[in-house]
All heavy atoms as atom14 arrays in JSON, in Angstrom:
{
  "sequence": "RLAAALATLNDQQRAAVEHGVGLLADDHRPLLVIAGAGSGKTATLAHR",
  "atom14_mask": [
    [1, 1, 1, 1, 1, 1, 1, 1, 1, 1, 1, 0, 0, 0],
    [1, 1, 1, 1, 1, 1, 1, 1, 0, 0, 0, 0, 0, 0],
    [1, 1, 1, 1, 1, 0, 0, 0, 0, 0, 0, 0, 0, 0],
    [1, 1, 1, 1, 1, 0, 0, 0, 0, 0, 0, 0, 0, 0],
    [1, 1, 1, 1, 1, 0, 0, 0, 0, 0, 0, 0, 0, 0],
    [1, 1, 1, 1, 1, 1, 1, 1, 0, 0, 0, 0, 0, 0],
    [1, 1, 1, 1, 1, 0, 0, 0, 0, 0, 0, 0, 0, 0],
    [1, 1, 1, 1, 1, 1, 1, 0, 0, 0, 0, 0, 0, 0],
    [1, 1, 1, 1, 1, 1, 1, 1, 0, 0, 0, 0, 0, 0],
    [1, 1, 1, 1, 1, 1, 1, 1, 0, 0, 0, 0, 0, 0],
    [1, 1, 1, 1, 1, 1, 1, 1, 0, 0, 0, 0, 0, 0],
    [1, 1, 1, 1, 1, 1, 1, 1, 1, 0, 0, 0, 0, 0],
    [1, 1, 1, 1, 1, 1, 1, 1, 1, 0, 0, 0, 0, 0],
    [1, 1, 1, 1, 1, 1, 1, 1, 1, 1, 1, 0, 0, 0],
    [1, 1, 1, 1, 1, 0, 0, 0, 0, 0, 0, 0, 0, 0],
    [1, 1, 1, 1, 1, 0, 0, 0, 0, 0, 0, 0, 0, 0],
    [1, 1, 1, 1, 1, 1, 1, 0, 0, 0, 0, 0, 0, 0],
    [1, 1, 1, 1, 1, 1, 1, 1, 1, 0, 0, 0, 0, 0],
    [1, 1, 1, 1, 1, 1, 1, 1, 1, 1, 0, 0, 0, 0],
    [1, 1, 1, 1, 0, 0, 0, 0, 0, 0, 0, 0, 0, 0],
    [1, 1, 1, 1, 1, 1, 1, 0, 0, 0, 0, 0, 0, 0],
    [1, 1, 1, 1, 0, 0, 0, 0, 0, 0, 0, 0, 0, 0],
    [1, 1, 1, 1, 1, 1, 1, 1, 0, 0, 0, 0, 0, 0],
    [1, 1, 1, 1, 1, 1, 1, 1, 0, 0, 0, 0, 0, 0],
    [1, 1, 1, 1, 1, 0, 0, 0, 0, 0, 0, 0, 0, 0],
    [1, 1, 1, 1, 1, 1, 1, 1, 0, 0, 0, 0, 0, 0],
    [1, 1, 1, 1, 1, 1, 1, 1, 0, 0, 0, 0, 0, 0],
    [1, 1, 1, 1, 1, 1, 1, 1, 1, 1, 0, 0, 0, 0],
    [1, 1, 1, 1, 1, 1, 1, 1, 1, 1, 1, 0, 0, 0],
    [1, 1, 1, 1, 1, 1, 1, 0, 0, 0, 0, 0, 0, 0],
    [1, 1, 1, 1, 1, 1, 1, 1, 0, 0, 0, 0, 0, 0],
    [1, 1, 1, 1, 1, 1, 1, 1, 0, 0, 0, 0, 0, 0],
    [1, 1, 1, 1, 1, 1, 1, 0, 0, 0, 0, 0, 0, 0],
    [1, 1, 1, 1, 1, 1, 1, 1, 0, 0, 0, 0, 0, 0],
    [1, 1, 1, 1, 1, 0, 0, 0, 0, 0, 0, 0, 0, 0],
    [1, 1, 1, 1, 0, 0, 0, 0, 0, 0, 0, 0, 0, 0],
    [1, 1, 1, 1, 1, 0, 0, 0, 0, 0, 0, 0, 0, 0],
    [1, 1, 1, 1, 0, 0, 0, 0, 0, 0, 0, 0, 0, 0],
    [1, 1, 1, 1, 1, 1, 0, 0, 0, 0, 0, 0, 0, 0],
    [1, 1, 1, 1, 0, 0, 0, 0, 0, 0, 0, 0, 0, 0],
    [1, 1, 1, 1, 1, 1, 1, 1, 1, 0, 0, 0, 0, 0],
    [1, 1, 1, 1, 1, 1, 1, 0, 0, 0, 0, 0, 0, 0],
    [1, 1, 1, 1, 1, 0, 0, 0, 0, 0, 0, 0, 0, 0],
    [1, 1, 1, 1, 1, 1, 1, 0, 0, 0, 0, 0, 0, 0],
    [1, 1, 1, 1, 1, 1, 1, 1, 0, 0, 0, 0, 0, 0],
    [1, 1, 1, 1, 1, 0, 0, 0, 0, 0, 0, 0, 0, 0],
    [1, 1, 1, 1, 1, 1, 1, 1, 1, 1, 0, 0, 0, 0],
    [1, 1, 1, 1, 1, 1, 1, 1, 1, 1, 1, 0, 0, 0]
  ],
  "atom14_positions": [
    [[3.89, -5.02, 13.49], [3.23, -6.26, 13.05], [2.71, -6.12, 11.61], [2.75, -7.07, 10.84], [2.1, -6.62, 14.03], [2.59, -7.06, 15.39], [1.45, -7.65, 16.23], [0.44, -6.68, 16.52], [0.43, -5.89, 17.6], [1.42, -5.98, 18.5], [-0.56, -5.05, 17.83], [0.0, 0.0, 0.0], [0.0, 0.0, 0.0], [0.0, 0.0, 0.0]],
    [[2.19, -4.94, 11.27], [1.73, -4.71, 9.92], [2.89, -4.81, 8.93], [2.77, -5.43, 7.87], [1.06, -3.34, 9.8], [0.54, -2.95, 8.41], [-0.51, -3.96, 7.92], [-0.07, -1.55, 8.44], [0.0, 0.0, 0.0], [0.0, 0.0, 0.0], [0.0, 0.0, 0.0], [0.0, 0.0, 0.0], [0.0, 0.0, 0.0], [0.0, 0.0, 0.0]],
    [[4.02, -4.19, 9.27], [5.19, -4.25, 8.42], [5.67, -5.7, 8.24], [6.07, -6.1, 7.15], [6.33, -3.4, 9.0], [0.0, 0.0, 0.0], [0.0, 0.0, 0.0], [0.0, 0.0, 0.0], [0.0, 0.0, 0.0], [0.0, 0.0, 0.0], [0.0, 0.0, 0.0], [0.0, 0.0, 0.0], [0.0, 0.0, 0.0], [0.0, 0.0, 0.0]],
    [[5.59, -6.48, 9.31], [6.01, -7.89, 9.22], [5.08, -8.68, 8.3], [5.54, -9.55, 7.55], [6.02, -8.51, 10.63], [0.0, 0.0, 0.0], [0.0, 0.0, 0.0], [0.0, 0.0, 0.0], [0.0, 0.0, 0.0], [0.0, 0.0, 0.0], [0.0, 0.0, 0.0], [0.0, 0.0, 0.0], [0.0, 0.0, 0.0], [0.0, 0.0, 0.0]],
    [[3.79, -8.39, 8.36], [2.83, -9.09, 7.48], [3.07, -8.74, 6.04], [3.06, -9.61, 5.15], [1.39, -8.73, 7.88], [0.0, 0.0, 0.0], [0.0, 0.0, 0.0], [0.0, 0.0, 0.0], [0.0, 0.0, 0.0], [0.0, 0.0, 0.0], [0.0, 0.0, 0.0], [0.0, 0.0, 0.0], [0.0, 0.0, 0.0], [0.0, 0.0, 0.0]],
    [[3.36, -7.48, 5.74], [3.58, -7.03, 4.36], [4.92, -7.51, 3.86], [5.12, -7.62, 2.62], [3.49, -5.53, 4.27], [2.11, -4.91, 4.62], [2.13, -3.41, 4.41], [1.0, -5.53, 3.78], [0.0, 0.0, 0.0], [0.0, 0.0, 0.0], [0.0, 0.0, 0.0], [0.0, 0.0, 0.0], [0.0, 0.0, 0.0], [0.0, 0.0, 0.0]],
    [[5.86, -7.8, 4.75], [7.19, -8.25, 4.33], [7.14, -9.62, 3.67], [8.08, -10.02, 3.0], [8.13, -8.27, 5.52], [0.0, 0.0, 0.0], [0.0, 0.0, 0.0], [0.0, 0.0, 0.0], [0.0, 0.0, 0.0], [0.0, 0.0, 0.0], [0.0, 0.0, 0.0], [0.0, 0.0, 0.0], [0.0, 0.0, 0.0], [0.0, 0.0, 0.0]],
    [[6.05, -10.36, 3.86], [5.92, -11.68, 3.22], [5.53, -11.59, 1.76], [5.53, -12.6, 1.05], [4.86, -12.51, 3.97], [3.58, -11.88, 3.84], [5.22, -12.67, 5.44], [0.0, 0.0, 0.0], [0.0, 0.0, 0.0], [0.0, 0.0, 0.0], [0.0, 0.0, 0.0], [0.0, 0.0, 0.0], [0.0, 0.0, 0.0], [0.0, 0.0, 0.0]],
    [[5.21, -10.38, 1.28], [4.75, -10.19, -0.09], [5.91, -9.74, -0.97], [6.86, -9.11, -0.5], [3.66, -9.12, -0.13], [2.43, -9.36, 0.78], [1.51, -8.16, 0.71], [1.7, -10.62, 0.4], [0.0, 0.0, 0.0], [0.0, 0.0, 0.0], [0.0, 0.0, 0.0], [0.0, 0.0, 0.0], [0.0, 0.0, 0.0], [0.0, 0.0, 0.0]],
    [[5.82, -10.04, -2.28], [6.81, -9.48, -3.19], [6.41, -8.04, -3.55], [5.36, -7.54, -3.13], [6.97, -10.35, -4.45], [5.7, -10.45, -5.28], [5.01, -9.45, -5.52], [5.38, -11.67, -5.74], [0.0, 0.0, 0.0], [0.0, 0.0, 0.0], [0.0, 0.0, 0.0], [0.0, 0.0, 0.0], [0.0, 0.0, 0.0], [0.0, 0.0, 0.0]],
    [[7.26, -7.34, -4.3], [7.09, -5.91, -4.54], [5.76, -5.62, -5.26], [5.06, -4.66, -4.94], [8.24, -5.36, -5.36], [9.55, -5.34, -4.58], [9.5, -5.46, -3.34], [10.61, -5.21, -5.24], [0.0, 0.0, 0.0], [0.0, 0.0, 0.0], [0.0, 0.0, 0.0], [0.0, 0.0, 0.0], [0.0, 0.0, 0.0], [0.0, 0.0, 0.0]],
    [[5.4, -6.45, -6.24], [4.17, -6.19, -7.0], [2.93, -6.48, -6.1], [1.96, -5.71, -6.17], [4.13, -7.07, -8.26], [5.1, -6.64, -9.35], [6.54, -6.93, -8.99], [6.82, -7.94, -8.34], [7.43, -6.04, -9.4], [0.0, 0.0, 0.0], [0.0, 0.0, 0.0], [0.0, 0.0, 0.0], [0.0, 0.0, 0.0], [0.0, 0.0, 0.0]],
    [[2.97, -7.55, -5.35], [1.86, -7.82, -4.44], [1.7, -6.69, -3.44], [0.57, -6.26, -3.15], [2.12, -9.14, -3.7], [2.04, -10.38, -4.56], [2.47, -11.63, -3.83], [3.32, -11.58, -2.95], [1.86, -12.76, -4.19], [0.0, 0.0, 0.0], [0.0, 0.0, 0.0], [0.0, 0.0, 0.0], [0.0, 0.0, 0.0], [0.0, 0.0, 0.0]],
    [[2.79, -6.2, -2.94], [2.72, -5.15, -1.93], [2.16, -3.84, -2.54], [1.38, -3.13, -1.89], [4.1, -4.9, -1.32], [4.09, -3.88, -0.19], [5.3, -4.0, 0.69], [5.24, -3.05, 1.78], [6.0, -3.12, 2.87], [6.87, -4.1, 3.01], [5.9, -2.21, 3.82], [0.0, 0.0, 0.0], [0.0, 0.0, 0.0], [0.0, 0.0, 0.0]],
    [[2.54, -3.58, -3.78], [2.01, -2.39, -4.45], [0.49, -2.47, -4.58], [-0.22, -1.47, -4.41], [2.64, -2.24, -5.83], [0.0, 0.0, 0.0], [0.0, 0.0, 0.0], [0.0, 0.0, 0.0], [0.0, 0.0, 0.0], [0.0, 0.0, 0.0], [0.0, 0.0, 0.0], [0.0, 0.0, 0.0], [0.0, 0.0, 0.0], [0.0, 0.0, 0.0]],
    [[-0.01, -3.68, -4.87], [-1.45, -3.85, -5.0], [-2.14, -3.7, -3.64], [-3.23, -3.12, -3.51], [-1.79, -5.24, -5.58], [0.0, 0.0, 0.0], [0.0, 0.0, 0.0], [0.0, 0.0, 0.0], [0.0, 0.0, 0.0], [0.0, 0.0, 0.0], [0.0, 0.0, 0.0], [0.0, 0.0, 0.0], [0.0, 0.0, 0.0], [0.0, 0.0, 0.0]],
    [[-1.52, -4.24, -2.59], [-2.08, -4.19, -1.25], [-2.15, -2.74, -0.75], [-3.12, -2.34, -0.13], [-1.26, -5.08, -0.3], [-1.61, -4.81, 1.16], [-1.48, -6.55, -0.62], [0.0, 0.0, 0.0], [0.0, 0.0, 0.0], [0.0, 0.0, 0.0], [0.0, 0.0, 0.0], [0.0, 0.0, 0.0], [0.0, 0.0, 0.0], [0.0, 0.0, 0.0]],
    [[-1.11, -1.95, -0.99], [-0.99, -0.62, -0.4], [-1.62, 0.46, -1.26], [-1.66, 1.62, -0.82], [0.48, -0.29, -0.16], [1.12, -1.16, 0.91], [2.57, -0.79, 1.16], [3.25, -0.37, 0.18], [3.04, -0.92, 2.29], [0.0, 0.0, 0.0], [0.0, 0.0, 0.0], [0.0, 0.0, 0.0], [0.0, 0.0, 0.0], [0.0, 0.0, 0.0]],
    [[-2.1, 0.16, -2.46], [-2.67, 1.18, -3.34], [-3.8, 1.92, -2.63], [-4.77, 1.31, -2.14], [-3.2, 0.55, -4.62], [-3.97, 1.52, -5.48], [-3.37, 2.49, -6.24], [-5.31, 1.66, -5.67], [-4.3, 3.18, -6.87], [-5.48, 2.7, -6.55], [0.0, 0.0, 0.0], [0.0, 0.0, 0.0], [0.0, 0.0, 0.0], [0.0, 0.0, 0.0]],
    [[-3.68, 3.25, -2.58], [-4.73, 4.08, -2.0], [-4.83, 4.0, -0.5], [-5.79, 4.5, 0.1], [0.0, 0.0, 0.0], [0.0, 0.0, 0.0], [0.0, 0.0, 0.0], [0.0, 0.0, 0.0], [0.0, 0.0, 0.0], [0.0, 0.0, 0.0], [0.0, 0.0, 0.0], [0.0, 0.0, 0.0], [0.0, 0.0, 0.0], [0.0, 0.0, 0.0]],
    [[-3.84, 3.38, 0.16], [-3.87, 3.21, 1.59], [-2.51, 3.67, 2.14], [-1.48, 3.43, 1.5], [-4.12, 1.76, 2.01], [-4.35, 1.65, 3.52], [-5.29, 1.18, 1.26], [0.0, 0.0, 0.0], [0.0, 0.0, 0.0], [0.0, 0.0, 0.0], [0.0, 0.0, 0.0], [0.0, 0.0, 0.0], [0.0, 0.0, 0.0], [0.0, 0.0, 0.0]],
    [[-2.5, 4.25, 3.3], [-1.24, 4.61, 3.95], [-0.5, 5.67, 3.15], [-1.02, 6.73, 2.82], [0.0, 0.0, 0.0], [0.0, 0.0, 0.0], [0.0, 0.0, 0.0], [0.0, 0.0, 0.0], [0.0, 0.0, 0.0], [0.0, 0.0, 0.0], [0.0, 0.0, 0.0], [0.0, 0.0, 0.0], [0.0, 0.0, 0.0], [0.0, 0.0, 0.0]],
    [[0.75, 5.37, 2.75], [1.6, 6.34, 2.08], [1.04, 6.74, 0.73], [1.34, 7.81, 0.21], [3.02, 5.77, 1.9], [3.78, 5.49, 3.23], [5.11, 4.83, 2.92], [3.97, 6.78, 4.03], [0.0, 0.0, 0.0], [0.0, 0.0, 0.0], [0.0, 0.0, 0.0], [0.0, 0.0, 0.0], [0.0, 0.0, 0.0], [0.0, 0.0, 0.0]],
    [[0.26, 5.85, 0.14], [-0.29, 6.13, -1.19], [-1.74, 6.55, -1.12], [-2.5, 6.42, -2.09], [-0.15, 4.89, -2.1], [1.28, 4.38, -2.3], [1.26, 3.11, -3.15], [2.09, 5.47, -2.98], [0.0, 0.0, 0.0], [0.0, 0.0, 0.0], [0.0, 0.0, 0.0], [0.0, 0.0, 0.0], [0.0, 0.0, 0.0], [0.0, 0.0, 0.0]],
    [[-2.15, 7.11, 0.01], [-3.55, 7.41, 0.21], [-4.07, 8.5, -0.74], [-5.26, 8.66, -0.9], [-3.8, 7.86, 1.66], [0.0, 0.0, 0.0], [0.0, 0.0, 0.0], [0.0, 0.0, 0.0], [0.0, 0.0, 0.0], [0.0, 0.0, 0.0], [0.0, 0.0, 0.0], [0.0, 0.0, 0.0], [0.0, 0.0, 0.0], [0.0, 0.0, 0.0]],
    [[-3.18, 9.26, -1.37], [-3.61, 10.31, -2.27], [-4.04, 9.74, -3.63], [-4.64, 10.44, -4.44], [-2.49, 11.33, -2.49], [-2.24, 12.17, -1.24], [-3.17, 12.26, -0.4], [-1.11, 12.66, -1.08], [0.0, 0.0, 0.0], [0.0, 0.0, 0.0], [0.0, 0.0, 0.0], [0.0, 0.0, 0.0], [0.0, 0.0, 0.0], [0.0, 0.0, 0.0]],
    [[-3.69, 8.49, -3.89], [-4.02, 7.86, -5.18], [-5.3, 7.05, -5.0], [-5.28, 5.96, -4.46], [-2.87, 6.97, -5.62], [-3.09, 6.44, -7.05], [-4.19, 6.65, -7.61], [-2.16, 5.82, -7.6], [0.0, 0.0, 0.0], [0.0, 0.0, 0.0], [0.0, 0.0, 0.0], [0.0, 0.0, 0.0], [0.0, 0.0, 0.0], [0.0, 0.0, 0.0]],
    [[-6.41, 7.61, -5.45], [-7.71, 6.94, -5.27], [-8.24, 6.4, -6.58], [-9.45, 6.16, -6.73], [-8.72, 7.91, -4.64], [-8.37, 8.31, -3.25], [-8.35, 7.45, -2.19], [-8.0, 9.54, -2.76], [-8.01, 8.08, -1.1], [-7.76, 9.35, -1.4], [0.0, 0.0, 0.0], [0.0, 0.0, 0.0], [0.0, 0.0, 0.0], [0.0, 0.0, 0.0]],
    [[-7.37, 6.21, -7.56], [-7.82, 5.64, -8.83], [-8.3, 4.2, -8.64], [-7.86, 3.51, -7.69], [-6.67, 5.64, -9.82], [-6.21, 7.0, -10.32], [-5.03, 6.84, -11.25], [-3.86, 6.29, -10.57], [-2.8, 5.79, -11.22], [-2.79, 5.69, -12.53], [-1.77, 5.3, -10.53], [0.0, 0.0, 0.0], [0.0, 0.0, 0.0], [0.0, 0.0, 0.0]],
    [[-9.16, 3.73, -9.49], [-9.51, 2.31, -9.45], [-8.28, 1.48, -9.7], [-7.31, 1.93, -10.36], [-10.54, 2.14, -10.56], [-10.33, 3.3, -11.47], [-9.87, 4.44, -10.59], [0.0, 0.0, 0.0], [0.0, 0.0, 0.0], [0.0, 0.0, 0.0], [0.0, 0.0, 0.0], [0.0, 0.0, 0.0], [0.0, 0.0, 0.0], [0.0, 0.0, 0.0]],
    [[-8.27, 0.26, -9.17], [-7.1, -0.61, -9.25], [-7.44, -1.89, -10.0], [-8.44, -2.54, -9.73], [-6.63, -0.97, -7.84], [-5.5, -2.02, -7.72], [-4.2, -1.48, -8.32], [-5.3, -2.42, -6.26], [0.0, 0.0, 0.0], [0.0, 0.0, 0.0], [0.0, 0.0, 0.0], [0.0, 0.0, 0.0], [0.0, 0.0, 0.0], [0.0, 0.0, 0.0]],
    [[-6.61, -2.23, -10.97], [-6.71, -3.5, -11.7], [-5.44, -4.3, -11.41], [-4.34, -3.85, -11.72], [-6.87, -3.28, -13.19], [-6.73, -4.51, -14.1], [-7.81, -5.54, -13.77], [-6.78, -4.11, -15.57], [0.0, 0.0, 0.0], [0.0, 0.0, 0.0], [0.0, 0.0, 0.0], [0.0, 0.0, 0.0], [0.0, 0.0, 0.0], [0.0, 0.0, 0.0]],
    [[-5.6, -5.46, -10.8], [-4.49, -6.35, -10.55], [-4.55, -7.49, -11.54], [-5.47, -8.3, -11.52], [-4.51, -6.89, -9.1], [-3.32, -7.81, -8.86], [-4.53, -5.75, -8.09], [0.0, 0.0, 0.0], [0.0, 0.0, 0.0], [0.0, 0.0, 0.0], [0.0, 0.0, 0.0], [0.0, 0.0, 0.0], [0.0, 0.0, 0.0], [0.0, 0.0, 0.0]],
    [[-3.58, -7.53, -12.46], [-3.47, -8.64, -13.4], [-2.64, -9.73, -12.74], [-1.42, -9.61, -12.61], [-2.82, -8.19, -14.72], [-3.64, -7.08, -15.38], [-2.67, -9.37, -15.67], [-5.05, -7.5, -15.77], [0.0, 0.0, 0.0], [0.0, 0.0, 0.0], [0.0, 0.0, 0.0], [0.0, 0.0, 0.0], [0.0, 0.0, 0.0], [0.0, 0.0, 0.0]],
    [[-3.31, -10.78, -12.28], [-2.69, -11.79, -11.46], [-2.49, -13.05, -12.32], [-3.44, -13.79, -12.58], [-3.53, -12.12, -10.25], [0.0, 0.0, 0.0], [0.0, 0.0, 0.0], [0.0, 0.0, 0.0], [0.0, 0.0, 0.0], [0.0, 0.0, 0.0], [0.0, 0.0, 0.0], [0.0, 0.0, 0.0], [0.0, 0.0, 0.0], [0.0, 0.0, 0.0]],
    [[-1.25, -13.28, -12.77], [-0.96, -14.47, -13.56], [-1.21, -15.74, -12.77], [-1.3, -15.74, -11.53], [0.0, 0.0, 0.0], [0.0, 0.0, 0.0], [0.0, 0.0, 0.0], [0.0, 0.0, 0.0], [0.0, 0.0, 0.0], [0.0, 0.0, 0.0], [0.0, 0.0, 0.0], [0.0, 0.0, 0.0], [0.0, 0.0, 0.0], [0.0, 0.0, 0.0]],
    [[-1.32, -16.85, -13.49], [-1.56, -18.12, -12.84], [-0.5, -18.42, -11.78], [0.68, -18.27, -12.03], [-1.57, -19.24, -13.89], [0.0, 0.0, 0.0], [0.0, 0.0, 0.0], [0.0, 0.0, 0.0], [0.0, 0.0, 0.0], [0.0, 0.0, 0.0], [0.0, 0.0, 0.0], [0.0, 0.0, 0.0], [0.0, 0.0, 0.0], [0.0, 0.0, 0.0]],
    [[-0.96, -18.82, -10.6], [-0.04, -19.21, -9.53], [0.75, -18.06, -8.95], [1.81, -18.28, -8.32], [0.0, 0.0, 0.0], [0.0, 0.0, 0.0], [0.0, 0.0, 0.0], [0.0, 0.0, 0.0], [0.0, 0.0, 0.0], [0.0, 0.0, 0.0], [0.0, 0.0, 0.0], [0.0, 0.0, 0.0], [0.0, 0.0, 0.0], [0.0, 0.0, 0.0]],
    [[0.28, -16.82, -9.09], [1.05, -15.67, -8.66], [0.67, -15.16, -7.26], [1.07, -14.06, -6.88], [0.89, -14.52, -9.67], [-0.47, -14.1, -9.74], [0.0, 0.0, 0.0], [0.0, 0.0, 0.0], [0.0, 0.0, 0.0], [0.0, 0.0, 0.0], [0.0, 0.0, 0.0], [0.0, 0.0, 0.0], [0.0, 0.0, 0.0], [0.0, 0.0, 0.0]],
    [[-0.13, -15.92, -6.52], [-0.49, -15.51, -5.16], [-1.62, -14.5, -5.11], [-1.65, -13.62, -4.27], [0.0, 0.0, 0.0], [0.0, 0.0, 0.0], [0.0, 0.0, 0.0], [0.0, 0.0, 0.0], [0.0, 0.0, 0.0], [0.0, 0.0, 0.0], [0.0, 0.0, 0.0], [0.0, 0.0, 0.0], [0.0, 0.0, 0.0], [0.0, 0.0, 0.0]],
    [[-2.59, -14.68, -6.02], [-3.71, -13.76, -6.1], [-4.5, -13.73, -4.8], [-4.85, -12.62, -4.29], [-4.62, -14.19, -7.26], [-5.99, -13.57, -7.28], [-6.82, -14.08, -8.43], [-7.18, -15.53, -8.28], [-8.15, -15.78, -7.2], [0.0, 0.0, 0.0], [0.0, 0.0, 0.0], [0.0, 0.0, 0.0], [0.0, 0.0, 0.0], [0.0, 0.0, 0.0]],
    [[-4.82, -14.89, -4.25], [-5.65, -14.95, -3.05], [-4.94, -14.27, -1.88], [-5.56, -13.5, -1.12], [-6.02, -16.37, -2.7], [-6.68, -16.98, -3.81], [-6.93, -16.45, -1.49], [0.0, 0.0, 0.0], [0.0, 0.0, 0.0], [0.0, 0.0, 0.0], [0.0, 0.0, 0.0], [0.0, 0.0, 0.0], [0.0, 0.0, 0.0], [0.0, 0.0, 0.0]],
    [[-3.67, -14.54, -1.74], [-2.89, -13.92, -0.64], [-2.88, -12.4, -0.8], [-3.0, -11.66, 0.19], [-1.46, -14.46, -0.62], [0.0, 0.0, 0.0], [0.0, 0.0, 0.0], [0.0, 0.0, 0.0], [0.0, 0.0, 0.0], [0.0, 0.0, 0.0], [0.0, 0.0, 0.0], [0.0, 0.0, 0.0], [0.0, 0.0, 0.0], [0.0, 0.0, 0.0]],
    [[-2.73, -11.93, -2.02], [-2.69, -10.48, -2.26], [-4.02, -9.83, -1.91], [-4.04, -8.82, -1.22], [-2.36, -10.22, -3.75], [-1.11, -10.82, -4.09], [-2.29, -8.72, -4.03], [0.0, 0.0, 0.0], [0.0, 0.0, 0.0], [0.0, 0.0, 0.0], [0.0, 0.0, 0.0], [0.0, 0.0, 0.0], [0.0, 0.0, 0.0], [0.0, 0.0, 0.0]],
    [[-5.11, -10.42, -2.33], [-6.41, -9.85, -2.06], [-6.73, -9.91, -0.56], [-7.26, -8.95, 0.01], [-7.49, -10.59, -2.86], [-8.85, -9.91, -3.01], [-8.72, -8.51, -3.57], [-9.75, -10.74, -3.91], [0.0, 0.0, 0.0], [0.0, 0.0, 0.0], [0.0, 0.0, 0.0], [0.0, 0.0, 0.0], [0.0, 0.0, 0.0], [0.0, 0.0, 0.0]],
    [[-6.37, -11.01, 0.09], [-6.62, -11.14, 1.53], [-5.81, -10.11, 2.3], [-6.31, -9.49, 3.27], [-6.28, -12.56, 1.99], [0.0, 0.0, 0.0], [0.0, 0.0, 0.0], [0.0, 0.0, 0.0], [0.0, 0.0, 0.0], [0.0, 0.0, 0.0], [0.0, 0.0, 0.0], [0.0, 0.0, 0.0], [0.0, 0.0, 0.0], [0.0, 0.0, 0.0]],
    [[-4.55, -9.9, 1.93], [-3.73, -8.9, 2.61], [-4.27, -7.48, 2.36], [-4.2, -6.63, 3.25], [-2.27, -8.99, 2.13], [-1.48, -10.03, 2.85], [-1.57, -11.37, 2.58], [-0.56, -9.94, 3.88], [-0.76, -12.06, 3.37], [-0.14, -11.2, 4.17], [0.0, 0.0, 0.0], [0.0, 0.0, 0.0], [0.0, 0.0, 0.0], [0.0, 0.0, 0.0]],
    [[-4.8, -7.25, 1.17], [-5.37, -5.91, 0.93], [-6.58, -5.66, 1.82], [-6.75, -4.59, 2.4], [-5.77, -5.74, -0.55], [-6.4, -4.36, -0.83], [-6.5, -4.02, -2.3], [-7.18, -2.75, -2.51], [-6.6, -1.56, -2.38], [-5.31, -1.46, -2.08], [-7.28, -0.46, -2.57], [0.0, 0.0, 0.0], [0.0, 0.0, 0.0], [0.0, 0.0, 0.0]]
  ]
}
C-alpha cells in the first residue's frame, strides 16, 4: 500500500518524500524542496 501511494508521485516528488527515510535513511542532511508554481507542493509535503 505504501508503494502504491508513492507511485502517484513523480521522481522528484518521491525523492523529496523519501529523503532520510527507508532506503535513504543514512542521509540525514537538512532538505530544501524548491517547489515551482503548480508543482504539487502540498501533495509532496503531505506524502512526506
